[in-house]
Amino acid sequence: MAQRRHEPRHLHRLLFAAARRIRPSITRRELHKPPPRRIDRARAHLLIETQRLTFREIHRQFVSRTIRGDQGLAPALMALDSLWNAVYTLRGGAPLVVRILAQPTHPDSPTASRLEGFYRECTTLLEDGIQRVFGTQADQLTIPPARMAVLIRILLSGLIVELARARDESDIAVIDQAYADFRELFQRFALSSLESPDPDDEEMLDIPLPW
């Protein structure tokens, strides 16, 4: 199963520290309590900004590791697990995030601006992190870093939606297994082990088409 089986204490401390930078009076219980039925804009802002600061810190930590020479698939998987842990730990706010996303907002509204800024920054951090963590192997990725960053961001968004609709532990187990399956696919296929065929190869040109 996925690596979030035991939620690391340092991640809870990280999330709480990030939240207190935005609202110094917040308590740990308030950070993780279920969202209210009505859309609480202030709490939605808090949740978005907490995730933003958490992503920045995860990025900073793994950049520090790559500077020390810790690169390749293994640290990339650790970074992926850290992102899943962050999403899972903030699952109490998932229904609120989904309601915010589902509600039509004016493109120039503060909420739309925060969400757009959050997605843009997350994608940039993911792309930079992928480039750094794979280092000289980046050109061997089966998907270019920019597109892989979008893929991972969409995966995380999908996990948030699924967590929002989870009713019990059996639902959580299904979501956990889905992440574990994606992790397995990433581990097996993130890096290309085969050379790309030469388009000028005569054997390739002689392959009959099926139509």
N, C-alpha and C. Protein backbone atom coordinates (compact mmCIF):
# COMPACT_ATOMS: atom_id res chain seq x y z
N MET A 1 0.84 -1.20 0.00
CA MET A 1 0.00 0.00 0.00
C MET A 1 0.87 1.25 0.00
N ALA A 2 0.25 2.39 -0.09
CA ALA A 2 0.99 3.64 -0.19
C ALA A 2 1.71 3.97 1.09
N GLN A 3 2.66 4.92 0.99
CA GLN A 3 3.53 5.24 2.08
C GLN A 3 2.91 6.18 3.12
N ARG A 4 1.60 6.46 3.05
CA ARG A 4 1.01 7.35 4.03
C ARG A 4 0.38 6.55 5.18
N ARG A 5 0.70 5.25 5.25
CA ARG A 5 0.09 4.39 6.25
C ARG A 5 0.20 4.97 7.65
N HIS A 6 1.37 5.50 7.99
CA HIS A 6 1.56 6.19 9.26
C HIS A 6 1.88 7.64 8.94
N GLU A 7 0.99 8.54 9.31
CA GLU A 7 1.21 9.94 8.99
C GLU A 7 2.37 10.48 9.82
N PRO A 8 3.46 10.95 9.20
CA PRO A 8 4.63 11.39 9.94
C PRO A 8 4.34 12.62 10.78
N ARG A 9 4.88 12.63 12.01
CA ARG A 9 4.64 13.75 12.91
C ARG A 9 5.22 15.04 12.36
N HIS A 10 6.36 14.94 11.66
CA HIS A 10 6.98 16.16 11.15
C HIS A 10 6.08 16.84 10.13
N LEU A 11 5.24 16.05 9.43
CA LEU A 11 4.34 16.65 8.46
C LEU A 11 3.23 17.42 9.18
N HIS A 12 2.72 16.86 10.28
CA HIS A 12 1.73 17.59 11.07
C HIS A 12 2.31 18.90 11.58
N ARG A 13 3.55 18.86 12.04
CA ARG A 13 4.18 20.08 12.53
C ARG A 13 4.35 21.09 11.41
N LEU A 14 4.70 20.60 10.23
CA LEU A 14 4.90 21.47 9.08
C LEU A 14 3.59 22.16 8.70
N LEU A 15 2.50 21.38 8.62
CA LEU A 15 1.21 21.94 8.25
C LEU A 15 0.74 22.96 9.29
N PHE A 16 0.94 22.63 10.57
CA PHE A 16 0.50 23.55 11.63
C PHE A 16 1.31 24.84 11.60
N ALA A 17 2.62 24.71 11.37
CA ALA A 17 3.47 25.90 11.30
C ALA A 17 3.08 26.79 10.12
N ALA A 18 2.75 26.14 8.99
CA ALA A 18 2.34 26.91 7.82
C ALA A 18 1.03 27.64 8.08
N ALA A 19 0.09 26.95 8.73
CA ALA A 19 -1.20 27.57 9.03
C ALA A 19 -1.04 28.74 9.99
N ARG A 20 -0.14 28.62 10.96
CA ARG A 20 0.04 29.69 11.94
C ARG A 20 0.71 30.92 11.33
N ARG A 21 1.44 30.72 10.23
CA ARG A 21 2.01 31.87 9.54
C ARG A 21 0.90 32.72 8.92
N ILE A 22 -0.22 32.09 8.62
CA ILE A 22 -1.35 32.80 8.01
C ILE A 22 -2.31 33.30 9.08
N ARG A 23 -2.61 32.43 10.06
CA ARG A 23 -3.51 32.81 11.15
C ARG A 23 -2.87 32.38 12.47
N PRO A 24 -2.16 33.26 13.15
CA PRO A 24 -1.42 32.89 14.37
C PRO A 24 -2.27 32.26 15.46
N SER A 25 -3.57 32.56 15.49
CA SER A 25 -4.42 32.06 16.57
C SER A 25 -5.00 30.68 16.30
N ILE A 26 -4.73 30.08 15.15
CA ILE A 26 -5.34 28.81 14.80
C ILE A 26 -4.86 27.70 15.72
N THR A 27 -5.76 26.74 16.00
CA THR A 27 -5.41 25.58 16.82
C THR A 27 -5.29 24.35 15.92
N ARG A 28 -4.65 23.31 16.44
CA ARG A 28 -4.50 22.08 15.66
C ARG A 28 -5.87 21.47 15.36
N ARG A 29 -6.78 21.52 16.31
CA ARG A 29 -8.11 20.96 16.09
C ARG A 29 -8.83 21.71 14.99
N GLU A 30 -8.71 23.02 14.97
CA GLU A 30 -9.38 23.83 13.96
C GLU A 30 -8.84 23.52 12.57
N LEU A 31 -7.54 23.26 12.47
CA LEU A 31 -6.93 22.99 11.17
C LEU A 31 -7.49 21.72 10.54
N HIS A 32 -7.79 20.71 11.36
CA HIS A 32 -8.19 19.41 10.83
C HIS A 32 -9.67 19.10 10.99
N LYS A 33 -10.45 20.00 11.59
CA LYS A 33 -11.86 19.70 11.78
C LYS A 33 -12.60 19.72 10.44
N PRO A 34 -13.74 18.98 10.34
CA PRO A 34 -14.52 18.99 9.09
C PRO A 34 -14.99 20.39 8.76
N PRO A 35 -15.11 20.71 7.47
CA PRO A 35 -15.52 22.06 7.08
C PRO A 35 -16.99 22.29 7.35
N PRO A 36 -17.42 23.54 7.51
CA PRO A 36 -18.84 23.84 7.69
C PRO A 36 -19.60 23.60 6.39
N ARG A 37 -20.94 23.53 6.50
CA ARG A 37 -21.74 23.29 5.31
C ARG A 37 -21.67 24.47 4.34
N ARG A 38 -21.69 25.67 4.87
CA ARG A 38 -21.58 26.83 3.99
C ARG A 38 -20.11 27.01 3.59
N ILE A 39 -19.89 27.67 2.49
CA ILE A 39 -18.53 27.90 2.02
C ILE A 39 -17.89 29.01 2.84
N ASP A 40 -16.91 28.65 3.61
CA ASP A 40 -16.19 29.59 4.47
C ASP A 40 -14.98 30.09 3.69
N ARG A 41 -15.08 31.30 3.14
CA ARG A 41 -14.01 31.82 2.29
C ARG A 41 -12.70 31.96 3.06
N ALA A 42 -12.80 32.40 4.33
CA ALA A 42 -11.59 32.60 5.11
C ALA A 42 -10.87 31.27 5.34
N ARG A 43 -11.65 30.23 5.65
CA ARG A 43 -11.01 28.93 5.88
C ARG A 43 -10.51 28.33 4.57
N ALA A 44 -11.22 28.57 3.47
CA ALA A 44 -10.74 28.11 2.17
C ALA A 44 -9.40 28.76 1.84
N HIS A 45 -9.30 30.06 2.12
CA HIS A 45 -8.04 30.77 1.90
C HIS A 45 -6.95 30.16 2.75
N LEU A 46 -7.26 29.89 4.02
CA LEU A 46 -6.29 29.29 4.92
C LEU A 46 -5.81 27.94 4.39
N LEU A 47 -6.75 27.13 3.92
CA LEU A 47 -6.40 25.80 3.43
C LEU A 47 -5.53 25.89 2.19
N ILE A 48 -5.88 26.75 1.26
CA ILE A 48 -5.10 26.91 0.03
C ILE A 48 -3.68 27.39 0.35
N GLU A 49 -3.59 28.39 1.23
CA GLU A 49 -2.28 28.94 1.56
C GLU A 49 -1.44 27.95 2.36
N THR A 50 -2.09 27.15 3.20
CA THR A 50 -1.35 26.12 3.94
C THR A 50 -0.76 25.10 2.98
N GLN A 51 -1.55 24.67 2.00
CA GLN A 51 -1.05 23.74 1.00
C GLN A 51 0.09 24.37 0.19
N ARG A 52 -0.06 25.65 -0.14
CA ARG A 52 0.99 26.33 -0.89
C ARG A 52 2.30 26.34 -0.12
N LEU A 53 2.24 26.72 1.15
CA LEU A 53 3.45 26.76 1.98
C LEU A 53 4.03 25.37 2.19
N THR A 54 3.16 24.37 2.30
CA THR A 54 3.62 23.00 2.47
C THR A 54 4.35 22.52 1.22
N PHE A 55 3.80 22.80 0.05
CA PHE A 55 4.46 22.42 -1.20
C PHE A 55 5.82 23.12 -1.32
N ARG A 56 5.87 24.38 -0.93
CA ARG A 56 7.14 25.10 -0.97
C ARG A 56 8.17 24.44 -0.07
N GLU A 57 7.75 24.04 1.12
CA GLU A 57 8.69 23.44 2.06
C GLU A 57 9.16 22.07 1.59
N ILE A 58 8.24 21.27 1.04
CA ILE A 58 8.63 19.97 0.49
C ILE A 58 9.63 20.17 -0.65
N HIS A 59 9.35 21.15 -1.51
CA HIS A 59 10.27 21.46 -2.60
C HIS A 59 11.63 21.87 -2.06
N ARG A 60 11.65 22.72 -1.04
CA ARG A 60 12.91 23.19 -0.46
C ARG A 60 13.71 22.03 0.12
N GLN A 61 13.03 21.14 0.82
CA GLN A 61 13.72 20.01 1.44
C GLN A 61 14.36 19.11 0.40
N PHE A 62 13.63 18.85 -0.69
CA PHE A 62 14.18 17.94 -1.70
C PHE A 62 15.23 18.61 -2.57
N VAL A 63 15.13 19.93 -2.75
CA VAL A 63 16.21 20.64 -3.43
C VAL A 63 17.49 20.53 -2.62
N SER A 64 17.37 20.67 -1.30
CA SER A 64 18.55 20.54 -0.43
C SER A 64 19.16 19.15 -0.57
N ARG A 65 18.32 18.14 -0.70
CA ARG A 65 18.84 16.77 -0.82
C ARG A 65 19.54 16.58 -2.16
N THR A 66 18.99 17.17 -3.23
CA THR A 66 19.64 17.02 -4.53
C THR A 66 20.99 17.72 -4.56
N ILE A 67 21.10 18.84 -3.84
CA ILE A 67 22.39 19.54 -3.76
C ILE A 67 23.43 18.64 -3.11
N ARG A 68 22.99 17.80 -2.19
CA ARG A 68 23.91 16.87 -1.52
C ARG A 68 24.14 15.62 -2.37
N GLY A 69 23.55 15.57 -3.55
CA GLY A 69 23.79 14.44 -4.46
C GLY A 69 22.75 13.35 -4.40
N ASP A 70 21.65 13.56 -3.67
CA ASP A 70 20.61 12.54 -3.55
C ASP A 70 19.63 12.71 -4.71
N GLN A 71 19.91 12.03 -5.81
CA GLN A 71 19.09 12.15 -7.01
C GLN A 71 18.69 10.78 -7.53
N GLY A 72 17.70 10.77 -8.40
CA GLY A 72 17.27 9.53 -9.02
C GLY A 72 15.84 9.15 -8.67
N LEU A 73 15.48 7.93 -9.00
CA LEU A 73 14.10 7.48 -8.84
C LEU A 73 13.68 7.36 -7.38
N ALA A 74 14.58 6.86 -6.53
CA ALA A 74 14.22 6.65 -5.11
C ALA A 74 13.81 7.96 -4.42
N PRO A 75 14.61 9.03 -4.50
CA PRO A 75 14.16 10.29 -3.88
C PRO A 75 12.94 10.89 -4.58
N ALA A 76 12.76 10.60 -5.87
CA ALA A 76 11.55 11.08 -6.56
C ALA A 76 10.31 10.42 -5.97
N LEU A 77 10.41 9.13 -5.66
CA LEU A 77 9.29 8.43 -5.03
C LEU A 77 9.04 8.97 -3.62
N MET A 78 10.10 9.30 -2.91
CA MET A 78 9.94 9.88 -1.57
C MET A 78 9.22 11.22 -1.65
N ALA A 79 9.56 12.02 -2.66
CA ALA A 79 8.90 13.32 -2.84
C ALA A 79 7.42 13.12 -3.16
N LEU A 80 7.11 12.13 -3.99
CA LEU A 80 5.73 11.84 -4.34
C LEU A 80 4.95 11.42 -3.10
N ASP A 81 5.57 10.60 -2.26
CA ASP A 81 4.93 10.18 -1.02
C ASP A 81 4.68 11.37 -0.09
N SER A 82 5.62 12.30 -0.04
CA SER A 82 5.46 13.48 0.81
C SER A 82 4.26 14.32 0.36
N LEU A 83 4.08 14.43 -0.95
CA LEU A 83 2.94 15.18 -1.48
C LEU A 83 1.63 14.48 -1.13
N TRP A 84 1.59 13.16 -1.27
CA TRP A 84 0.39 12.40 -0.92
C TRP A 84 0.11 12.52 0.58
N ASN A 85 1.15 12.46 1.39
CA ASN A 85 0.96 12.62 2.83
C ASN A 85 0.36 13.98 3.16
N ALA A 86 0.81 15.02 2.47
CA ALA A 86 0.30 16.37 2.72
C ALA A 86 -1.18 16.45 2.35
N VAL A 87 -1.53 15.90 1.19
CA VAL A 87 -2.93 15.90 0.76
C VAL A 87 -3.79 15.11 1.74
N TYR A 88 -3.30 13.95 2.15
CA TYR A 88 -4.08 13.09 3.05
C TYR A 88 -4.26 13.74 4.42
N THR A 89 -3.22 14.37 4.92
CA THR A 89 -3.29 14.97 6.24
C THR A 89 -4.29 16.12 6.28
N LEU A 90 -4.46 16.80 5.16
CA LEU A 90 -5.42 17.91 5.08
C LEU A 90 -6.78 17.45 4.52
N ARG A 91 -7.06 16.15 4.59
CA ARG A 91 -8.28 15.62 3.99
C ARG A 91 -9.54 16.21 4.61
N GLY A 92 -9.47 16.69 5.86
CA GLY A 92 -10.64 17.28 6.48
C GLY A 92 -11.17 18.47 5.72
N GLY A 93 -10.30 19.16 4.99
CA GLY A 93 -10.73 20.31 4.21
C GLY A 93 -11.06 20.00 2.78
N ALA A 94 -10.93 18.72 2.37
CA ALA A 94 -11.18 18.35 0.97
C ALA A 94 -12.59 18.70 0.50
N PRO A 95 -13.65 18.43 1.30
CA PRO A 95 -15.00 18.80 0.82
C PRO A 95 -15.15 20.30 0.56
N LEU A 96 -14.50 21.11 1.39
CA LEU A 96 -14.58 22.55 1.20
C LEU A 96 -13.89 22.98 -0.09
N VAL A 97 -12.73 22.38 -0.37
CA VAL A 97 -12.01 22.70 -1.60
C VAL A 97 -12.86 22.33 -2.82
N VAL A 98 -13.50 21.16 -2.76
CA VAL A 98 -14.32 20.72 -3.89
C VAL A 98 -15.51 21.66 -4.08
N ARG A 99 -16.12 22.11 -2.99
CA ARG A 99 -17.25 23.03 -3.12
C ARG A 99 -16.81 24.36 -3.70
N ILE A 100 -15.63 24.83 -3.32
CA ILE A 100 -15.10 26.07 -3.87
C ILE A 100 -14.87 25.91 -5.37
N LEU A 101 -14.29 24.76 -5.77
CA LEU A 101 -14.02 24.53 -7.19
C LEU A 101 -15.31 24.41 -7.99
N ALA A 102 -16.36 23.84 -7.37
CA ALA A 102 -17.61 23.61 -8.08
C ALA A 102 -18.46 24.87 -8.20
N GLN A 103 -18.20 25.84 -7.35
CA GLN A 103 -19.02 27.05 -7.37
C GLN A 103 -18.49 28.03 -8.42
N PRO A 104 -19.34 28.50 -9.32
CA PRO A 104 -18.88 29.46 -10.33
C PRO A 104 -18.34 30.74 -9.66
N THR A 105 -17.20 31.17 -10.09
CA THR A 105 -16.61 32.40 -9.56
C THR A 105 -16.16 33.28 -10.72
N HIS A 106 -16.19 34.56 -10.49
CA HIS A 106 -15.71 35.49 -11.50
C HIS A 106 -14.21 35.33 -11.65
N PRO A 107 -13.68 35.33 -12.88
CA PRO A 107 -12.23 35.15 -13.08
C PRO A 107 -11.38 36.12 -12.28
N ASP A 108 -11.92 37.29 -11.98
CA ASP A 108 -11.15 38.30 -11.26
C ASP A 108 -11.42 38.29 -9.76
N SER A 109 -12.19 37.32 -9.27
CA SER A 109 -12.50 37.26 -7.84
C SER A 109 -11.27 36.84 -7.06
N PRO A 110 -11.19 37.21 -5.77
CA PRO A 110 -10.04 36.81 -4.95
C PRO A 110 -9.85 35.29 -4.87
N THR A 111 -10.97 34.55 -4.79
CA THR A 111 -10.87 33.09 -4.70
C THR A 111 -10.28 32.50 -5.98
N ALA A 112 -10.79 32.95 -7.12
CA ALA A 112 -10.28 32.46 -8.41
C ALA A 112 -8.81 32.81 -8.56
N SER A 113 -8.43 34.01 -8.13
CA SER A 113 -7.04 34.45 -8.24
C SER A 113 -6.13 33.59 -7.37
N ARG A 114 -6.59 33.27 -6.14
CA ARG A 114 -5.78 32.44 -5.24
C ARG A 114 -5.61 31.02 -5.80
N LEU A 115 -6.71 30.47 -6.31
CA LEU A 115 -6.64 29.12 -6.87
C LEU A 115 -5.71 29.07 -8.08
N GLU A 116 -5.85 30.05 -8.97
CA GLU A 116 -5.01 30.09 -10.16
C GLU A 116 -3.54 30.24 -9.77
N GLY A 117 -3.27 31.11 -8.81
CA GLY A 117 -1.90 31.29 -8.35
C GLY A 117 -1.35 30.03 -7.71
N PHE A 118 -2.20 29.34 -6.94
CA PHE A 118 -1.79 28.10 -6.28
C PHE A 118 -1.44 27.02 -7.31
N TYR A 119 -2.32 26.80 -8.29
CA TYR A 119 -2.05 25.78 -9.31
C TYR A 119 -0.82 26.13 -10.13
N ARG A 120 -0.68 27.40 -10.47
CA ARG A 120 0.47 27.81 -11.26
C ARG A 120 1.78 27.58 -10.50
N GLU A 121 1.80 27.97 -9.22
CA GLU A 121 3.02 27.81 -8.44
C GLU A 121 3.32 26.33 -8.19
N CYS A 122 2.28 25.55 -7.90
CA CYS A 122 2.49 24.12 -7.67
C CYS A 122 3.08 23.44 -8.90
N THR A 123 2.56 23.79 -10.07
CA THR A 123 3.08 23.19 -11.31
C THR A 123 4.53 23.58 -11.53
N THR A 124 4.86 24.83 -11.25
CA THR A 124 6.24 25.29 -11.40
C THR A 124 7.17 24.58 -10.43
N LEU A 125 6.73 24.44 -9.18
CA LEU A 125 7.55 23.74 -8.18
C LEU A 125 7.74 22.28 -8.55
N LEU A 126 6.67 21.65 -9.02
CA LEU A 126 6.75 20.25 -9.42
C LEU A 126 7.73 20.07 -10.58
N GLU A 127 7.62 20.93 -11.58
CA GLU A 127 8.52 20.81 -12.73
C GLU A 127 9.98 21.01 -12.32
N ASP A 128 10.23 22.03 -11.51
CA ASP A 128 11.59 22.28 -11.04
C ASP A 128 12.09 21.11 -10.19
N GLY A 129 11.22 20.59 -9.33
CA GLY A 129 11.61 19.46 -8.49
C GLY A 129 11.94 18.23 -9.32
N ILE A 130 11.15 17.95 -10.35
CA ILE A 130 11.41 16.81 -11.22
C ILE A 130 12.75 16.97 -11.93
N GLN A 131 13.00 18.17 -12.45
CA GLN A 131 14.27 18.43 -13.12
C GLN A 131 15.44 18.19 -12.18
N ARG A 132 15.31 18.69 -10.95
CA ARG A 132 16.41 18.59 -10.00
C ARG A 132 16.61 17.17 -9.47
N VAL A 133 15.50 16.49 -9.15
CA VAL A 133 15.64 15.19 -8.51
C VAL A 133 16.14 14.13 -9.48
N PHE A 134 15.81 14.28 -10.78
CA PHE A 134 16.31 13.32 -11.76
C PHE A 134 17.66 13.74 -12.34
N GLY A 135 18.00 15.02 -12.24
CA GLY A 135 19.31 15.48 -12.66
C GLY A 135 19.66 15.09 -14.08
N THR A 136 20.77 14.39 -14.23
CA THR A 136 21.23 14.00 -15.57
C THR A 136 20.32 12.96 -16.22
N GLN A 137 19.42 12.35 -15.43
CA GLN A 137 18.48 11.37 -15.99
C GLN A 137 17.20 12.02 -16.52
N ALA A 138 17.08 13.34 -16.39
CA ALA A 138 15.85 14.01 -16.79
C ALA A 138 15.53 13.79 -18.26
N ASP A 139 16.57 13.67 -19.10
CA ASP A 139 16.32 13.46 -20.52
C ASP A 139 15.89 12.03 -20.82
N GLN A 140 15.91 11.16 -19.80
CA GLN A 140 15.45 9.78 -19.98
C GLN A 140 14.02 9.58 -19.52
N LEU A 141 13.38 10.64 -19.01
CA LEU A 141 11.99 10.52 -18.58
C LEU A 141 11.09 10.20 -19.76
N THR A 142 10.13 9.32 -19.54
CA THR A 142 9.21 8.95 -20.62
C THR A 142 8.28 10.10 -20.97
N ILE A 143 8.05 11.01 -20.02
CA ILE A 143 7.25 12.21 -20.23
C ILE A 143 8.10 13.41 -19.82
N PRO A 144 8.17 14.46 -20.60
CA PRO A 144 8.98 15.63 -20.25
C PRO A 144 8.56 16.21 -18.89
N PRO A 145 9.51 16.80 -18.15
CA PRO A 145 9.22 17.32 -16.81
C PRO A 145 8.00 18.24 -16.74
N ALA A 146 7.82 19.11 -17.73
CA ALA A 146 6.69 20.05 -17.69
C ALA A 146 5.35 19.30 -17.73
N ARG A 147 5.27 18.30 -18.60
CA ARG A 147 4.03 17.53 -18.70
C ARG A 147 3.85 16.59 -17.52
N MET A 148 4.94 16.05 -17.01
CA MET A 148 4.86 15.18 -15.83
C MET A 148 4.38 15.98 -14.62
N ALA A 149 4.81 17.24 -14.53
CA ALA A 149 4.36 18.11 -13.43
C ALA A 149 2.85 18.29 -13.47
N VAL A 150 2.30 18.52 -14.67
CA VAL A 150 0.86 18.68 -14.81
C VAL A 150 0.14 17.38 -14.45
N LEU A 151 0.71 16.24 -14.88
CA LEU A 151 0.11 14.94 -14.59
C LEU A 151 0.03 14.70 -13.08
N ILE A 152 1.11 15.00 -12.37
CA ILE A 152 1.13 14.80 -10.91
C ILE A 152 0.17 15.76 -10.23
N ARG A 153 0.12 17.00 -10.71
CA ARG A 153 -0.81 17.97 -10.12
C ARG A 153 -2.25 17.51 -10.29
N ILE A 154 -2.59 16.98 -11.47
CA ILE A 154 -3.95 16.49 -11.72
C ILE A 154 -4.23 15.27 -10.84
N LEU A 155 -3.23 14.41 -10.67
CA LEU A 155 -3.39 13.25 -9.77
C LEU A 155 -3.74 13.72 -8.37
N LEU A 156 -3.01 14.70 -7.85
CA LEU A 156 -3.26 15.19 -6.50
C LEU A 156 -4.64 15.82 -6.39
N SER A 157 -5.05 16.56 -7.43
CA SER A 157 -6.39 17.15 -7.43
C SER A 157 -7.46 16.06 -7.41
N GLY A 158 -7.23 15.01 -8.18
CA GLY A 158 -8.18 13.89 -8.19
C GLY A 158 -8.27 13.20 -6.85
N LEU A 159 -7.14 13.06 -6.18
CA LEU A 159 -7.14 12.45 -4.85
C LEU A 159 -7.93 13.29 -3.86
N ILE A 160 -7.82 14.62 -3.99
CA ILE A 160 -8.59 15.51 -3.11
C ILE A 160 -10.08 15.31 -3.33
N VAL A 161 -10.50 15.21 -4.60
CA VAL A 161 -11.92 14.99 -4.91
C VAL A 161 -12.39 13.66 -4.32
N GLU A 162 -11.59 12.62 -4.47
CA GLU A 162 -11.97 11.31 -3.94
C GLU A 162 -12.03 11.32 -2.41
N LEU A 163 -11.09 12.01 -1.78
CA LEU A 163 -11.12 12.11 -0.32
C LEU A 163 -12.36 12.86 0.15
N ALA A 164 -12.81 13.83 -0.65
CA ALA A 164 -13.98 14.62 -0.28
C ALA A 164 -15.25 13.76 -0.25
N ARG A 165 -15.29 12.75 -1.12
CA ARG A 165 -16.50 11.93 -1.18
C ARG A 165 -16.37 10.63 -0.40
N ALA A 166 -15.23 10.40 0.25
CA ALA A 166 -15.04 9.19 1.04
C ALA A 166 -15.97 9.19 2.26
N ARG A 167 -16.64 8.08 2.51
CA ARG A 167 -17.59 7.99 3.62
C ARG A 167 -17.04 7.23 4.82
N ASP A 168 -16.13 6.30 4.56
CA ASP A 168 -15.63 5.49 5.68
C ASP A 168 -14.22 5.01 5.34
N GLU A 169 -13.69 4.18 6.23
CA GLU A 169 -12.32 3.70 6.07
C GLU A 169 -12.16 2.82 4.84
N SER A 170 -13.22 2.13 4.44
CA SER A 170 -13.11 1.29 3.24
C SER A 170 -12.92 2.17 2.00
N ASP A 171 -13.58 3.33 1.97
CA ASP A 171 -13.38 4.26 0.86
C ASP A 171 -11.96 4.81 0.87
N ILE A 172 -11.46 5.13 2.07
CA ILE A 172 -10.09 5.62 2.20
C ILE A 172 -9.10 4.57 1.70
N ALA A 173 -9.37 3.30 2.01
CA ALA A 173 -8.48 2.22 1.58
C ALA A 173 -8.42 2.12 0.06
N VAL A 174 -9.55 2.34 -0.60
CA VAL A 174 -9.59 2.31 -2.07
C VAL A 174 -8.74 3.44 -2.64
N ILE A 175 -8.86 4.64 -2.05
CA ILE A 175 -8.09 5.79 -2.51
C ILE A 175 -6.60 5.55 -2.26
N ASP A 176 -6.29 5.01 -1.11
CA ASP A 176 -4.90 4.71 -0.76
C ASP A 176 -4.31 3.73 -1.76
N GLN A 177 -5.10 2.72 -2.14
CA GLN A 177 -4.62 1.74 -3.10
C GLN A 177 -4.44 2.36 -4.48
N ALA A 178 -5.33 3.29 -4.84
CA ALA A 178 -5.20 3.97 -6.13
C ALA A 178 -3.88 4.74 -6.19
N TYR A 179 -3.55 5.43 -5.09
CA TYR A 179 -2.26 6.13 -5.06
C TYR A 179 -1.11 5.13 -5.16
N ALA A 180 -1.21 4.03 -4.42
CA ALA A 180 -0.15 3.02 -4.46
C ALA A 180 0.03 2.47 -5.87
N ASP A 181 -1.07 2.30 -6.60
CA ASP A 181 -0.99 1.79 -7.98
C ASP A 181 -0.31 2.82 -8.89
N PHE A 182 -0.68 4.11 -8.72
CA PHE A 182 -0.01 5.15 -9.51
C PHE A 182 1.48 5.18 -9.18
N ARG A 183 1.80 5.05 -7.92
CA ARG A 183 3.21 5.05 -7.49
C ARG A 183 3.98 3.92 -8.16
N GLU A 184 3.32 2.75 -8.24
CA GLU A 184 3.96 1.59 -8.88
C GLU A 184 4.18 1.86 -10.36
N LEU A 185 3.19 2.45 -11.03
CA LEU A 185 3.36 2.79 -12.44
C LEU A 185 4.48 3.80 -12.63
N PHE A 186 4.53 4.79 -11.75
CA PHE A 186 5.59 5.80 -11.82
C PHE A 186 6.96 5.15 -11.64
N GLN A 187 7.05 4.24 -10.69
CA GLN A 187 8.33 3.57 -10.42
C GLN A 187 8.79 2.74 -11.62
N ARG A 188 7.84 2.11 -12.30
CA ARG A 188 8.19 1.23 -13.41
C ARG A 188 8.44 1.98 -14.72
N PHE A 189 7.70 3.07 -14.94
CA PHE A 189 7.70 3.66 -16.27
C PHE A 189 8.15 5.12 -16.32
N ALA A 190 8.53 5.72 -15.20
CA ALA A 190 8.96 7.13 -15.24
C ALA A 190 10.17 7.31 -16.13
N LEU A 191 11.09 6.36 -16.06
CA LEU A 191 12.30 6.43 -16.86
C LEU A 191 12.22 5.45 -18.02
N SER A 192 12.66 5.90 -19.19
CA SER A 192 12.65 5.05 -20.37
C SER A 192 13.90 4.18 -20.37
N SER A 193 13.68 2.88 -20.58
CA SER A 193 14.81 1.96 -20.61
C SER A 193 15.16 1.54 -22.03
N LEU A 194 14.37 2.02 -22.99
CA LEU A 194 14.61 1.65 -24.39
C LEU A 194 14.95 2.88 -25.20
N GLU A 195 15.81 2.70 -26.18
CA GLU A 195 16.14 3.79 -27.08
C GLU A 195 14.99 4.03 -28.05
N SER A 196 14.74 5.27 -28.35
CA SER A 196 13.68 5.60 -29.30
C SER A 196 14.07 5.10 -30.69
N PRO A 197 13.11 4.52 -31.44
CA PRO A 197 13.44 4.03 -32.78
C PRO A 197 13.77 5.17 -33.72
N ASP A 198 14.66 4.88 -34.63
CA ASP A 198 15.05 5.86 -35.64
C ASP A 198 13.94 5.94 -36.69
N PRO A 199 13.32 7.10 -36.89
CA PRO A 199 12.24 7.19 -37.87
C PRO A 199 12.69 6.90 -39.29
N ASP A 200 14.01 6.94 -39.56
CA ASP A 200 14.50 6.66 -40.91
C ASP A 200 14.86 5.19 -41.09
N ASP A 201 14.64 4.39 -40.04
CA ASP A 201 14.96 2.97 -40.11
C ASP A 201 14.09 2.30 -41.17
N GLU A 202 14.71 1.57 -42.11
CA GLU A 202 13.94 0.95 -43.20
C GLU A 202 12.96 -0.07 -42.67
N GLU A 203 13.33 -0.80 -41.58
CA GLU A 203 12.43 -1.80 -41.04
C GLU A 203 11.16 -1.15 -40.52
N MET A 204 11.29 0.03 -39.92
CA MET A 204 10.12 0.73 -39.43
C MET A 204 9.22 1.16 -40.59
N LEU A 205 9.83 1.57 -41.68
CA LEU A 205 9.06 2.05 -42.83
C LEU A 205 8.32 0.92 -43.51
N ASP A 206 8.78 -0.33 -43.35
CA ASP A 206 8.16 -1.45 -44.02
C ASP A 206 7.06 -2.10 -43.21
N ILE A 207 6.79 -1.60 -41.99
CA ILE A 207 5.75 -2.20 -41.16
C ILE A 207 4.38 -1.91 -41.77
N PRO A 208 3.57 -2.91 -42.06
CA PRO A 208 2.24 -2.68 -42.66
C PRO A 208 1.31 -2.03 -41.65
N LEU A 209 0.54 -1.07 -42.10
CA LEU A 209 -0.43 -0.40 -41.24
C LEU A 209 -1.71 -1.25 -41.17
N PRO A 210 -2.46 -1.18 -40.04
CA PRO A 210 -3.62 -2.05 -39.87
C PRO A 210 -4.86 -1.60 -40.63
N TRP A 211 -4.83 -0.44 -41.29
CA TRP A 211 -6.04 0.01 -41.97
C TRP A 211 -5.88 0.09 -43.47
